Amino acid sequence: ACGMSAIGAVLRRSYWLDQVKFKIYPNLSVLCVGHSGIGKDTAIDGADAILEAVGTVPVIGGRTSETILQRLLELQQDPTCAIIMAGELSDFFGPKDYQKGMIETITDLMSTKAYKDVTLKGNMKMGGQPQKIIRPTLTMMGGSTRDWLHSAMPESAMSGGFYPRFLIVCEDKTKRSVPLIKYSLEEGELEAAALAQASFFDCVAAIHRDFTSIGEAVMTKAAVEAYETFYNERTSW
């Protein structure tokens, strides 16, 4: 899931599914939920490695809404694409005063709107120019335990549209899972895996380098039929 999220971030807004009155972009935010030590950070760090290898989409930080908006504004991009890595979701969302408004800000930035107006009223009174983040395209990868989500996240996270903007991946069955990769693979498999990873990094880099404007995604007949089956039966599950 984190790997798909990284690819979606690299695609920016160069690729879309046309819905006549609006477009669906492949940007995918992921929330990994599970016990401490299950590998949430490992998954997010793996996606971070992909993005670092490609080096085309900035990873931004900040613990307040003002900081996040300012860093996006400073990018001066169209579209304004960035990624937030939040291995511990509690660092961004919680009861502290400086964390207030963060959920609403992140939710709004994930809405793929034409722009986000961040103009301060005081600047306008002094004759300043309007400040807008053009076509904000924010991807977030976060990790959390189930207990923290239940006890610390406000109810507005669901009603305000925060959770529905994430693919939530949950592991409940095991608390720790650390395979002995070096000793469990047969001879040659580890080298083959390293070569496959390097090739994958090169392909992701090529997405941005060679296909800055890919265009509309065209669904095959089988894909349309599969989706329509899901859509028509979604309430009976």
Protein backbone atom coordinates (compact mmCIF):
# COMPACT_ATOMS: atom_id res chain seq x y z
CA ALA A 1 0.00 0.00 0.00
CA CYS A 2 2.83 2.41 0.83
CA GLY A 3 4.54 1.55 -2.44
CA MET A 4 1.36 2.39 -4.38
CA SER A 5 1.12 5.62 -2.40
CA ALA A 6 4.65 6.57 -3.45
CA ILE A 7 3.88 5.89 -7.12
CA GLY A 8 0.69 7.93 -6.90
CA ALA A 9 2.65 10.84 -5.44
CA VAL A 10 5.21 10.70 -8.24
CA LEU A 11 2.39 10.75 -10.83
CA ARG A 12 1.29 14.09 -9.35
CA ARG A 13 -1.67 15.21 -11.54
CA SER A 14 -0.29 13.97 -14.85
CA TYR A 15 -2.63 10.98 -14.93
CA TRP A 16 -6.35 10.78 -14.20
CA LEU A 17 -9.66 9.00 -14.61
CA ASP A 18 -12.18 11.26 -16.32
CA GLN A 19 -15.54 11.53 -14.55
CA VAL A 20 -16.94 14.13 -16.99
CA LYS A 21 -17.42 16.94 -14.45
CA PHE A 22 -14.31 16.16 -12.42
CA LYS A 23 -11.15 14.05 -12.53
CA ILE A 24 -9.92 11.36 -10.17
CA TYR A 25 -6.16 11.42 -9.63
CA PRO A 26 -4.09 8.44 -8.40
CA ASN A 27 -2.88 10.18 -5.24
CA LEU A 28 -3.29 7.68 -2.44
CA SER A 29 -2.82 8.44 1.24
CA VAL A 30 -2.26 5.45 3.51
CA LEU A 31 -2.85 4.91 7.23
CA CYS A 32 -1.10 1.83 8.69
CA VAL A 33 -2.74 0.61 11.90
CA GLY A 34 -1.33 -2.09 14.16
CA HIS A 35 0.53 -2.99 17.32
CA SER A 36 3.85 -1.36 18.14
CA GLY A 37 6.62 -3.23 16.33
CA ILE A 38 4.41 -4.69 13.62
CA GLY A 39 6.34 -2.87 10.87
CA LYS A 40 4.41 0.35 10.22
CA ASP A 41 7.56 2.46 10.15
CA THR A 42 9.31 -0.16 8.03
CA ALA A 43 6.61 0.12 5.37
CA ILE A 44 6.61 3.92 5.43
CA ASP A 45 10.42 4.05 5.36
CA GLY A 46 10.37 1.79 2.31
CA ALA A 47 8.14 4.26 0.48
CA ASP A 48 10.39 7.09 1.66
CA ALA A 49 13.34 5.27 0.06
CA ILE A 50 11.47 5.16 -3.25
CA LEU A 51 10.78 8.90 -3.12
CA GLU A 52 14.36 9.68 -2.12
CA ALA A 53 15.67 7.62 -5.03
CA VAL A 54 13.40 9.47 -7.45
CA GLY A 55 13.90 12.89 -5.84
CA THR A 56 11.01 14.64 -7.58
CA VAL A 57 8.35 15.14 -4.91
CA PRO A 58 9.31 17.05 -1.74
CA VAL A 59 8.69 15.53 1.67
CA ILE A 60 7.59 18.30 4.00
CA GLY A 61 7.27 18.47 7.77
CA GLY A 62 5.71 20.69 10.37
CA ARG A 63 3.60 20.33 13.48
CA THR A 64 1.15 23.18 12.89
CA SER A 65 -1.31 24.06 10.15
CA GLU A 66 0.50 27.35 9.55
CA THR A 67 3.84 25.60 8.98
CA ILE A 68 2.39 23.06 6.54
CA LEU A 69 0.62 25.76 4.52
CA GLN A 70 3.71 27.98 4.46
CA ARG A 71 5.95 25.19 3.20
CA LEU A 72 3.49 24.34 0.45
CA LEU A 73 3.26 28.00 -0.51
CA GLU A 74 7.05 28.26 -0.69
CA LEU A 75 7.20 25.46 -3.27
CA GLN A 76 5.59 27.77 -5.86
CA GLN A 77 4.48 24.86 -8.02
CA ASP A 78 1.55 24.07 -10.28
CA PRO A 79 0.37 21.61 -9.16
CA THR A 80 1.72 21.96 -5.63
CA CYS A 81 2.70 18.39 -4.81
CA ALA A 82 4.18 17.22 -1.52
CA ILE A 83 4.26 14.29 0.88
CA ILE A 84 3.94 14.10 4.65
CA MET A 85 5.49 11.12 6.42
CA ALA A 86 3.87 10.57 9.82
CA GLY A 87 5.16 7.34 11.29
CA GLU A 88 3.50 8.43 14.52
CA LEU A 89 0.18 10.08 13.73
CA SER A 90 0.10 11.49 17.26
CA ASP A 91 2.91 13.89 16.29
CA PHE A 92 0.44 15.67 14.00
CA PHE A 93 -2.96 15.17 15.58
CA GLY A 94 -3.68 15.39 19.26
CA PRO A 95 -4.97 17.51 22.12
CA LYS A 96 -2.13 20.04 22.23
CA ASP A 97 -2.93 23.64 21.40
CA TYR A 98 -0.53 23.84 18.46
CA GLN A 99 -2.19 20.77 16.90
CA LYS A 100 -5.61 22.38 16.70
CA GLY A 101 -6.97 22.71 13.19
CA MET A 102 -4.45 20.27 11.70
CA ILE A 103 -7.07 17.63 10.79
CA GLU A 104 -9.22 20.21 9.00
CA THR A 105 -6.20 21.62 7.14
CA ILE A 106 -4.93 18.22 5.97
CA THR A 107 -8.44 17.13 4.95
CA ASP A 108 -8.89 20.29 2.90
CA LEU A 109 -5.50 19.91 1.18
CA MET A 110 -6.36 16.34 0.15
CA SER A 111 -9.48 17.47 -1.69
CA THR A 112 -7.61 18.18 -4.99
CA LYS A 113 -9.18 21.61 -5.33
CA ALA A 114 -8.10 24.25 -7.85
CA TYR A 115 -6.38 26.24 -5.11
CA LYS A 116 -6.11 26.83 -1.37
CA ASP A 117 -6.33 30.48 -0.34
CA VAL A 118 -3.90 31.18 2.52
CA THR A 119 -4.03 34.97 2.33
CA LEU A 120 -3.82 36.66 5.71
CA LYS A 121 -6.36 39.42 6.25
CA GLY A 122 -3.69 41.69 7.66
CA ASN A 123 -1.63 41.43 4.47
CA MET A 124 -4.57 42.46 2.30
CA LYS A 125 -5.26 45.50 4.49
CA MET A 126 -1.64 46.56 3.95
CA GLY A 127 -1.96 46.24 0.17
CA GLY A 128 -0.43 42.78 -0.14
CA GLN A 129 -1.19 40.28 -2.88
CA PRO A 130 -3.48 37.24 -2.44
CA GLN A 131 -1.54 34.07 -1.60
CA LYS A 132 -2.78 30.80 -3.04
CA ILE A 133 -1.47 27.25 -3.08
CA ILE A 134 -2.16 26.21 -6.66
CA ARG A 135 -3.81 22.79 -7.16
CA PRO A 136 -2.63 21.31 -3.85
CA THR A 137 -1.90 17.59 -4.20
CA LEU A 138 -0.93 16.27 -0.82
CA THR A 139 -0.12 12.65 -0.02
CA MET A 140 0.19 11.43 3.56
CA MET A 141 1.51 8.16 4.95
CA GLY A 142 0.78 7.65 8.63
CA GLY A 143 1.06 4.99 11.29
CA SER A 144 -0.85 4.47 14.50
CA THR A 145 -2.06 1.90 16.99
CA ARG A 146 -5.76 1.11 17.15
CA ASP A 147 -5.90 2.18 20.82
CA TRP A 148 -4.52 5.63 20.03
CA LEU A 149 -6.99 6.16 17.19
CA HIS A 150 -9.91 5.28 19.47
CA SER A 151 -8.74 7.30 22.46
CA ALA A 152 -7.10 10.39 20.95
CA MET A 153 -8.51 11.14 17.51
CA PRO A 154 -11.58 13.40 17.59
CA GLU A 155 -14.90 12.27 16.16
CA SER A 156 -14.55 14.97 13.52
CA ALA A 157 -11.88 12.82 11.84
CA MET A 158 -14.68 10.66 10.45
CA SER A 159 -17.52 13.13 10.10
CA GLY A 160 -15.22 15.76 8.58
CA GLY A 161 -13.91 13.43 5.89
CA PHE A 162 -10.38 12.80 7.19
CA TYR A 163 -10.46 8.98 7.43
CA PRO A 164 -12.35 8.48 4.14
CA ARG A 165 -9.44 10.13 2.32
CA PHE A 166 -7.11 7.31 3.42
CA LEU A 167 -6.61 3.71 2.48
CA ILE A 168 -6.56 2.20 5.97
CA VAL A 169 -4.46 -0.96 6.30
CA CYS A 170 -4.89 -2.79 9.62
CA GLU A 171 -2.98 -5.72 11.12
CA ASP A 172 -4.54 -7.25 14.23
CA LYS A 173 -3.50 -10.89 14.16
CA THR A 174 0.18 -10.62 15.09
CA LYS A 175 2.12 -8.25 17.32
CA ARG A 176 5.56 -8.72 15.79
CA SER A 177 6.72 -10.28 12.56
CA VAL A 178 10.43 -10.10 11.72
CA PRO A 179 11.57 -12.66 9.12
CA LEU A 180 15.26 -13.61 8.82
CA ILE A 181 15.55 -12.44 5.25
CA LYS A 182 19.27 -13.10 4.82
CA TYR A 183 19.02 -16.72 6.01
CA SER A 184 15.61 -17.70 4.66
CA LEU A 185 16.27 -16.94 0.99
CA GLU A 186 18.00 -19.41 -1.29
CA GLU A 187 21.32 -18.57 -2.89
CA GLY A 188 20.94 -15.89 -5.52
CA GLU A 189 17.49 -14.78 -4.40
CA LEU A 190 18.79 -11.91 -2.25
CA GLU A 191 20.86 -10.55 -5.14
CA ALA A 192 17.91 -10.95 -7.50
CA ALA A 193 15.70 -9.07 -5.04
CA ALA A 194 18.23 -6.21 -4.83
CA LEU A 195 18.36 -5.98 -8.62
CA ALA A 196 14.56 -6.00 -8.81
CA GLN A 197 14.38 -3.17 -6.28
CA ALA A 198 16.92 -1.09 -8.22
CA SER A 199 14.94 -1.68 -11.42
CA PHE A 200 11.74 -0.65 -9.64
CA PHE A 201 13.36 2.61 -8.48
CA ASP A 202 14.49 3.32 -12.05
CA CYS A 203 10.99 2.72 -13.41
CA VAL A 204 9.39 5.04 -10.85
CA ALA A 205 11.95 7.73 -11.72
CA ALA A 206 11.09 7.28 -15.40
CA ILE A 207 7.42 7.96 -14.66
CA HIS A 208 8.27 11.50 -13.67
CA ARG A 209 11.16 12.02 -16.09
CA ASP A 210 9.58 10.69 -19.28
CA PHE A 211 5.85 11.06 -18.66
CA THR A 212 5.23 14.50 -17.24
CA SER A 213 1.82 14.53 -18.96
CA ILE A 214 0.51 10.98 -19.30
CA GLY A 215 -3.12 11.93 -19.77
CA GLU A 216 -6.41 10.14 -19.23
CA ALA A 217 -6.55 6.58 -17.96
CA VAL A 218 -8.56 4.41 -20.34
CA MET A 219 -10.28 1.48 -18.64
CA THR A 220 -10.55 -1.86 -20.39
CA LYS A 221 -13.95 -3.51 -20.82
CA ALA A 222 -13.07 -6.06 -18.12
CA ALA A 223 -12.08 -3.29 -15.70
CA VAL A 224 -15.35 -1.44 -16.28
CA GLU A 225 -17.35 -4.64 -15.71
CA ALA A 226 -15.44 -5.43 -12.51
CA TYR A 227 -16.00 -1.95 -11.14
CA GLU A 228 -19.68 -1.91 -12.05
CA THR A 229 -20.13 -5.25 -10.26
CA PHE A 230 -18.52 -3.81 -7.14
CA TYR A 231 -20.55 -0.60 -7.40
CA ASN A 232 -23.90 -2.34 -7.86
CA GLU A 233 -23.28 -4.80 -5.02
CA ARG A 234 -21.45 -2.49 -2.58
CA THR A 235 -24.41 -2.15 -0.19
CA SER A 236 -25.01 -5.90 0.09
CA TRP A 237 -21.60 -6.79 1.52
